[in-house]
């Protein structure tokens, strides 16, 4: 199933795009969020996804990413 679209949230716009990543890899790099139907990607996996989709990295706080070890 392909799930693409833009969704406005209080935090900004979320864009869902199709990925060819294996389900296990996605599961291992995401966490459950209480009271949410969506899993949240880890900081590192988010950057991997941004790079794979050729998205801008201008707003990435690289120090925040380093603290995620």
PDB file of N, CA and C in Angstrom:
ATOM      1  N   UNK A   1       0.847  -1.180   0.000  1.00  0.00           N
ATOM      2  CA  UNK A   1       0.000   0.000   0.000  1.00  0.00           C
ATOM      3  C   UNK A   1       0.888   1.237   0.000  1.00  0.00           C
ATOM      4  N   UNK A   2       0.594   2.139  -0.880  1.00  0.00           N
ATOM      5  CA  UNK A   2       1.361   3.378  -0.959  1.00  0.00           C
ATOM      6  C   UNK A   2       0.599   4.462  -0.210  1.00  0.00           C
ATOM      7  N   UNK A   3       1.297   5.144   0.686  1.00  0.00           N
ATOM      8  CA  UNK A   3       0.667   6.182   1.498  1.00  0.00           C
ATOM      9  C   UNK A   3       1.452   7.463   1.319  1.00  0.00           C
ATOM     10  N   UNK A   4       0.936   8.356   0.509  1.00  0.00           N
ATOM     11  CA  UNK A   4       1.621   9.619   0.281  1.00  0.00           C
ATOM     12  C   UNK A   4       0.654  10.751   0.572  1.00  0.00           C
ATOM     13  N   UNK A   5       1.181  11.843   1.095  1.00  0.00           N
ATOM     14  CA  UNK A   5       0.343  12.987   1.322  1.00  0.00           C
ATOM     15  C   UNK A   5       0.968  13.966   2.281  1.00  0.00           C
ATOM     16  N   UNK A   6       0.344  15.121   2.349  1.00  0.00           N
ATOM     17  CA  UNK A   6       0.768  16.175   3.256  1.00  0.00           C
ATOM     18  C   UNK A   6      -0.267  16.323   4.354  1.00  0.00           C
ATOM     19  N   UNK A   7       0.221  16.461   5.596  1.00  0.00           N
ATOM     20  CA  UNK A   7      -0.663  16.604   6.738  1.00  0.00           C
ATOM     21  C   UNK A   7      -0.177  17.760   7.594  1.00  0.00           C
ATOM     22  N   UNK A   8      -1.056  18.710   7.849  1.00  0.00           N
ATOM     23  CA  UNK A   8      -0.709  19.844   8.715  1.00  0.00           C
ATOM     24  C   UNK A   8      -0.884  19.427  10.169  1.00  0.00           C
ATOM     25  N   UNK A   9       0.106  19.775  10.999  1.00  0.00           N
ATOM     26  CA  UNK A   9       0.055  19.456  12.425  1.00  0.00           C
ATOM     27  C   UNK A   9       0.454  20.710  13.204  1.00  0.00           C
ATOM     28  N   UNK A  10       0.270  20.719  14.511  1.00  0.00           N
ATOM     29  CA  UNK A  10       0.723  21.866  15.311  1.00  0.00           C
ATOM     30  C   UNK A  10       2.239  22.062  15.240  1.00  0.00           C
ATOM     31  N   UNK A  11       2.974  21.028  14.801  1.00  0.00           N
ATOM     32  CA  UNK A  11       4.431  21.105  14.724  1.00  0.00           C
ATOM     33  C   UNK A  11       4.934  21.475  13.339  1.00  0.00           C
ATOM     34  N   UNK A  12       4.044  21.566  12.377  1.00  0.00           N
ATOM     35  CA  UNK A  12       4.416  21.854  10.995  1.00  0.00           C
ATOM     36  C   UNK A  12       3.777  20.834  10.075  1.00  0.00           C
ATOM     37  N   UNK A  13       4.214  20.808   8.851  1.00  0.00           N
ATOM     38  CA  UNK A  13       3.659  19.899   7.861  1.00  0.00           C
ATOM     39  C   UNK A  13       4.455  18.601   7.833  1.00  0.00           C
ATOM     40  N   UNK A  14       3.738  17.499   7.818  1.00  0.00           N
ATOM     41  CA  UNK A  14       4.358  16.185   7.698  1.00  0.00           C
ATOM     42  C   UNK A  14       4.060  15.679   6.293  1.00  0.00           C
ATOM     43  N   UNK A  15       5.102  15.226   5.610  1.00  0.00           N
ATOM     44  CA  UNK A  15       4.932  14.644   4.285  1.00  0.00           C
ATOM     45  C   UNK A  15       5.230  13.163   4.372  1.00  0.00           C
ATOM     46  N   UNK A  16       4.260  12.340   3.993  1.00  0.00           N
ATOM     47  CA  UNK A  16       4.453  10.901   3.947  1.00  0.00           C
ATOM     48  C   UNK A  16       4.792  10.516   2.517  1.00  0.00           C
ATOM     49  N   UNK A  17       5.866   9.738   2.363  1.00  0.00           N
ATOM     50  CA  UNK A  17       6.258   9.270   1.043  1.00  0.00           C
ATOM     51  C   UNK A  17       6.469   7.768   1.084  1.00  0.00           C
ATOM     52  N   UNK A  18       6.343   7.130  -0.057  1.00  0.00           N
ATOM     53  CA  UNK A  18       6.560   5.689  -0.162  1.00  0.00           C
ATOM     54  C   UNK A  18       8.054   5.400  -0.035  1.00  0.00           C
ATOM     55  N   UNK A  19       8.405   4.301   0.613  1.00  0.00           N
ATOM     56  CA  UNK A  19       9.798   3.894   0.731  1.00  0.00           C
ATOM     57  C   UNK A  19       9.921   2.411   0.413  1.00  0.00           C
ATOM     58  N   UNK A  20      11.088   2.029  -0.094  1.00  0.00           N
ATOM     59  CA  UNK A  20      11.334   0.622  -0.377  1.00  0.00           C
ATOM     60  C   UNK A  20      12.058  -0.061   0.784  1.00  0.00           C
ATOM     61  N   UNK A  21      12.175   0.619   1.904  1.00  0.00           N
ATOM     62  CA  UNK A  21      12.856   0.045   3.070  1.00  0.00           C
ATOM     63  C   UNK A  21      12.068  -1.168   3.574  1.00  0.00           C
ATOM     64  N   UNK A  22      12.798  -2.148   4.079  1.00  0.00           N
ATOM     65  CA  UNK A  22      12.160  -3.334   4.638  1.00  0.00           C
ATOM     66  C   UNK A  22      11.443  -2.983   5.940  1.00  0.00           C
ATOM     67  N   UNK A  23      10.320  -3.639   6.165  1.00  0.00           N
ATOM     68  CA  UNK A  23       9.508  -3.376   7.355  1.00  0.00           C
ATOM     69  C   UNK A  23      10.314  -3.566   8.633  1.00  0.00           C
ATOM     70  N   UNK A  24      11.171  -4.584   8.692  1.00  0.00           N
ATOM     71  CA  UNK A  24      11.967  -4.829   9.893  1.00  0.00           C
ATOM     72  C   UNK A  24      12.918  -3.662  10.154  1.00  0.00           C
ATOM     73  N   UNK A  25      13.540  -3.135   9.111  1.00  0.00           N
ATOM     74  CA  UNK A  25      14.456  -2.005   9.281  1.00  0.00           C
ATOM     75  C   UNK A  25      13.701  -0.778   9.797  1.00  0.00           C
ATOM     76  N   UNK A  26      12.515  -0.549   9.273  1.00  0.00           N
ATOM     77  CA  UNK A  26      11.699   0.574   9.744  1.00  0.00           C
ATOM     78  C   UNK A  26      11.335   0.369  11.210  1.00  0.00           C
ATOM     79  N   UNK A  27      10.901  -0.827  11.559  1.00  0.00           N
ATOM     80  CA  UNK A  27      10.500  -1.123  12.939  1.00  0.00           C
ATOM     81  C   UNK A  27      11.663  -0.935  13.908  1.00  0.00           C
ATOM     82  N   UNK A  28      12.858  -1.381  13.515  1.00  0.00           N
ATOM     83  CA  UNK A  28      14.020  -1.264  14.390  1.00  0.00           C
ATOM     84  C   UNK A  28      14.498   0.179  14.566  1.00  0.00           C
ATOM     85  N   UNK A  29      14.092   1.055  13.659  1.00  0.00           N
ATOM     86  CA  UNK A  29      14.549   2.442  13.694  1.00  0.00           C
ATOM     87  C   UNK A  29      13.436   3.430  14.022  1.00  0.00           C
ATOM     88  N   UNK A  30      12.362   2.915  14.623  1.00  0.00           N
ATOM     89  CA  UNK A  30      11.254   3.762  15.050  1.00  0.00           C
ATOM     90  C   UNK A  30      10.838   3.360  16.463  1.00  0.00           C
ATOM     91  N   UNK A  31      10.093   4.237  17.116  1.00  0.00           N
ATOM     92  CA  UNK A  31       9.628   3.963  18.479  1.00  0.00           C
ATOM     93  C   UNK A  31       8.126   4.209  18.561  1.00  0.00           C
ATOM     94  N   UNK A  32       7.485   3.497  19.474  1.00  0.00           N
ATOM     95  CA  UNK A  32       6.057   3.726  19.719  1.00  0.00           C
ATOM     96  C   UNK A  32       5.861   5.061  20.412  1.00  0.00           C
ATOM     97  N   UNK A  33       4.778   5.724  20.070  1.00  0.00           N
ATOM     98  CA  UNK A  33       4.401   6.978  20.715  1.00  0.00           C
ATOM     99  C   UNK A  33       3.050   6.734  21.387  1.00  0.00           C
ATOM    100  N   UNK A  34       2.981   6.913  22.708  1.00  0.00           N
ATOM    101  CA  UNK A  34       1.703   6.686  23.397  1.00  0.00           C
ATOM    102  C   UNK A  34       0.572   7.508  22.775  1.00  0.00           C
ATOM    103  N   UNK A  35      -0.564   6.864  22.628  1.00  0.00           N
ATOM    104  CA  UNK A  35      -1.770   7.510  22.121  1.00  0.00           C
ATOM    105  C   UNK A  35      -1.624   8.042  20.692  1.00  0.00           C
ATOM    106  N   UNK A  36      -0.750   7.429  19.902  1.00  0.00           N
ATOM    107  CA  UNK A  36      -0.587   7.823  18.495  1.00  0.00           C
ATOM    108  C   UNK A  36      -0.596   6.571  17.630  1.00  0.00           C
ATOM    109  N   UNK A  37      -1.263   6.637  16.477  1.00  0.00           N
ATOM    110  CA  UNK A  37      -1.258   5.474  15.584  1.00  0.00           C
ATOM    111  C   UNK A  37       0.045   5.354  14.788  1.00  0.00           C
ATOM    112  N   UNK A  38       0.874   6.393  14.817  1.00  0.00           N
ATOM    113  CA  UNK A  38       2.116   6.392  14.056  1.00  0.00           C
ATOM    114  C   UNK A  38       3.319   6.174  14.950  1.00  0.00           C
ATOM    115  N   UNK A  39       4.323   5.473  14.417  1.00  0.00           N
ATOM    116  CA  UNK A  39       5.598   5.320  15.120  1.00  0.00           C
ATOM    117  C   UNK A  39       6.459   6.525  14.767  1.00  0.00           C
ATOM    118  N   UNK A  40       7.399   6.856  15.630  1.00  0.00           N
ATOM    119  CA  UNK A  40       8.286   8.002  15.436  1.00  0.00           C
ATOM    120  C   UNK A  40       9.678   7.497  15.091  1.00  0.00           C
ATOM    121  N   UNK A  41      10.235   8.018  14.005  1.00  0.00           N
ATOM    122  CA  UNK A  41      11.578   7.607  13.592  1.00  0.00           C
ATOM    123  C   UNK A  41      12.614   8.168  14.557  1.00  0.00           C
ATOM    124  N   UNK A  42      13.692   7.409  14.747  1.00  0.00           N
ATOM    125  CA  UNK A  42      14.801   7.925  15.549  1.00  0.00           C
ATOM    126  C   UNK A  42      15.431   9.105  14.801  1.00  0.00           C
ATOM    127  N   UNK A  43      16.196   9.899  15.503  1.00  0.00           N
ATOM    128  CA  UNK A  43      16.832  11.065  14.877  1.00  0.00           C
ATOM    129  C   UNK A  43      17.743  10.636  13.738  1.00  0.00           C
ATOM    130  N   UNK A  44      18.545   9.629  13.989  1.00  0.00           N
ATOM    131  CA  UNK A  44      19.489   9.160  12.959  1.00  0.00           C
ATOM    132  C   UNK A  44      18.752   8.619  11.734  1.00  0.00           C
ATOM    133  N   UNK A  45      17.701   7.852  11.942  1.00  0.00           N
ATOM    134  CA  UNK A  45      16.952   7.282  10.819  1.00  0.00           C
ATOM    135  C   UNK A  45      16.225   8.377  10.037  1.00  0.00           C
ATOM    136  N   UNK A  46      15.815   9.410  10.737  1.00  0.00           N
ATOM    137  CA  UNK A  46      15.192  10.548  10.069  1.00  0.00           C
ATOM    138  C   UNK A  46      16.162  11.187   9.091  1.00  0.00           C
ATOM    139  N   UNK A  47      17.399  11.394   9.520  1.00  0.00           N
ATOM    140  CA  UNK A  47      18.399  12.003   8.635  1.00  0.00           C
ATOM    141  C   UNK A  47      18.702  11.073   7.461  1.00  0.00           C
ATOM    142  N   UNK A  48      18.783   9.772   7.714  1.00  0.00           N
ATOM    143  CA  UNK A  48      18.994   8.812   6.630  1.00  0.00           C
ATOM    144  C   UNK A  48      17.875   8.944   5.592  1.00  0.00           C
ATOM    145  N   UNK A  49      16.652   9.040   6.072  1.00  0.00           N
ATOM    146  CA  UNK A  49      15.507   9.187   5.171  1.00  0.00           C
ATOM    147  C   UNK A  49      15.531  10.492   4.394  1.00  0.00           C
ATOM    148  N   UNK A  50      15.917  11.577   5.060  1.00  0.00           N
ATOM    149  CA  UNK A  50      16.021  12.864   4.371  1.00  0.00           C
ATOM    150  C   UNK A  50      17.062  12.799   3.256  1.00  0.00           C
ATOM    151  N   UNK A  51      18.189  12.180   3.551  1.00  0.00           N
ATOM    152  CA  UNK A  51      19.248  12.043   2.538  1.00  0.00           C
ATOM    153  C   UNK A  51      18.777  11.174   1.375  1.00  0.00           C
ATOM    154  N   UNK A  52      18.126  10.043   1.703  1.00  0.00           N
ATOM    155  CA  UNK A  52      17.655   9.124   0.666  1.00  0.00           C
ATOM    156  C   UNK A  52      16.646   9.800  -0.259  1.00  0.00           C
ATOM    157  N   UNK A  53      15.805  10.669   0.305  1.00  0.00           N
ATOM    158  CA  UNK A  53      14.781  11.359  -0.478  1.00  0.00           C
ATOM    159  C   UNK A  53      15.289  12.673  -1.078  1.00  0.00           C
ATOM    160  N   UNK A  54      16.588  12.928  -0.902  1.00  0.00           N
ATOM    161  CA  UNK A  54      17.210  14.163  -1.427  1.00  0.00           C
ATOM    162  C   UNK A  54      16.511  15.416  -0.910  1.00  0.00           C
ATOM    163  N   UNK A  55      16.209  15.420   0.388  1.00  0.00           N
ATOM    164  CA  UNK A  55      15.573  16.570   1.031  1.00  0.00           C
ATOM    165  C   UNK A  55      16.626  17.468   1.642  1.00  0.00           C
ATOM    166  N   UNK A  56      16.257  18.693   1.886  1.00  0.00           N
ATOM    167  CA  UNK A  56      17.178  19.667   2.483  1.00  0.00           C
ATOM    168  C   UNK A  56      17.534  19.256   3.908  1.00  0.00           C
ATOM    169  N   UNK A  57      18.807  19.443   4.249  1.00  0.00           N
ATOM    170  CA  UNK A  57      19.275  19.171   5.607  1.00  0.00           C
ATOM    171  C   UNK A  57      19.588  20.477   6.332  1.00  0.00           C
ATOM    172  N   UNK A  58      19.153  21.586   5.767  1.00  0.00           N
ATOM    173  CA  UNK A  58      19.461  22.908   6.323  1.00  0.00           C
ATOM    174  C   UNK A  58      18.965  23.101   7.751  1.00  0.00           C
ATOM    175  N   UNK A  59      17.869  22.470   8.120  1.00  0.00           N
ATOM    176  CA  UNK A  59      17.288  22.685   9.447  1.00  0.00           C
ATOM    177  C   UNK A  59      17.711  21.621  10.465  1.00  0.00           C
ATOM    178  N   UNK A  60      18.596  20.704  10.059  1.00  0.00           N
ATOM    179  CA  UNK A  60      19.052  19.657  10.980  1.00  0.00           C
ATOM    180  C   UNK A  60      19.987  20.270  12.018  1.00  0.00           C
ATOM    181  N   UNK A  61      19.699  19.994  13.279  1.00  0.00           N
ATOM    182  CA  UNK A  61      20.572  20.413  14.382  1.00  0.00           C
ATOM    183  C   UNK A  61      21.556  19.267  14.617  1.00  0.00           C
ATOM    184  N   UNK A  62      22.754  19.374  14.035  1.00  0.00           N
ATOM    185  CA  UNK A  62      23.721  18.281  14.068  1.00  0.00           C
ATOM    186  C   UNK A  62      24.185  17.962  15.479  1.00  0.00           C
ATOM    187  N   UNK A  63      24.226  18.943  16.363  1.00  0.00           N
ATOM    188  CA  UNK A  63      24.596  18.673  17.763  1.00  0.00           C
ATOM    189  C   UNK A  63      23.539  17.794  18.423  1.00  0.00           C
ATOM    190  N   UNK A  64      22.289  18.043  18.125  1.00  0.00           N
ATOM    191  CA  UNK A  64      21.185  17.228  18.666  1.00  0.00           C
ATOM    192  C   UNK A  64      21.339  15.786  18.195  1.00  0.00           C
ATOM    193  N   UNK A  65      21.744  15.611  16.964  1.00  0.00           N
ATOM    194  CA  UNK A  65      21.935  14.276  16.411  1.00  0.00           C
ATOM    195  C   UNK A  65      23.081  13.557  17.121  1.00  0.00           C
ATOM    196  N   UNK A  66      24.169  14.265  17.410  1.00  0.00           N
ATOM    197  CA  UNK A  66      25.305  13.657  18.094  1.00  0.00           C
ATOM    198  C   UNK A  66      24.946  13.247  19.515  1.00  0.00           C
ATOM    199  N   UNK A  67      24.030  13.978  20.160  1.00  0.00           N
ATOM    200  CA  UNK A  67      23.624  13.655  21.527  1.00  0.00           C
ATOM    201  C   UNK A  67      22.752  12.410  21.590  1.00  0.00           C
ATOM    202  N   UNK A  68      22.346  11.884  20.440  1.00  0.00           N
ATOM    203  CA  UNK A  68      21.415  10.751  20.378  1.00  0.00           C
ATOM    204  C   UNK A  68      22.149   9.415  20.414  1.00  0.00           C
ATOM    205  N   UNK A  69      23.412   9.385  20.789  1.00  0.00           N
ATOM    206  CA  UNK A  69      24.175   8.126  20.780  1.00  0.00           C
ATOM    207  C   UNK A  69      23.820   7.232  21.917  1.00  0.00           C
TER     208      UNK A  69
END
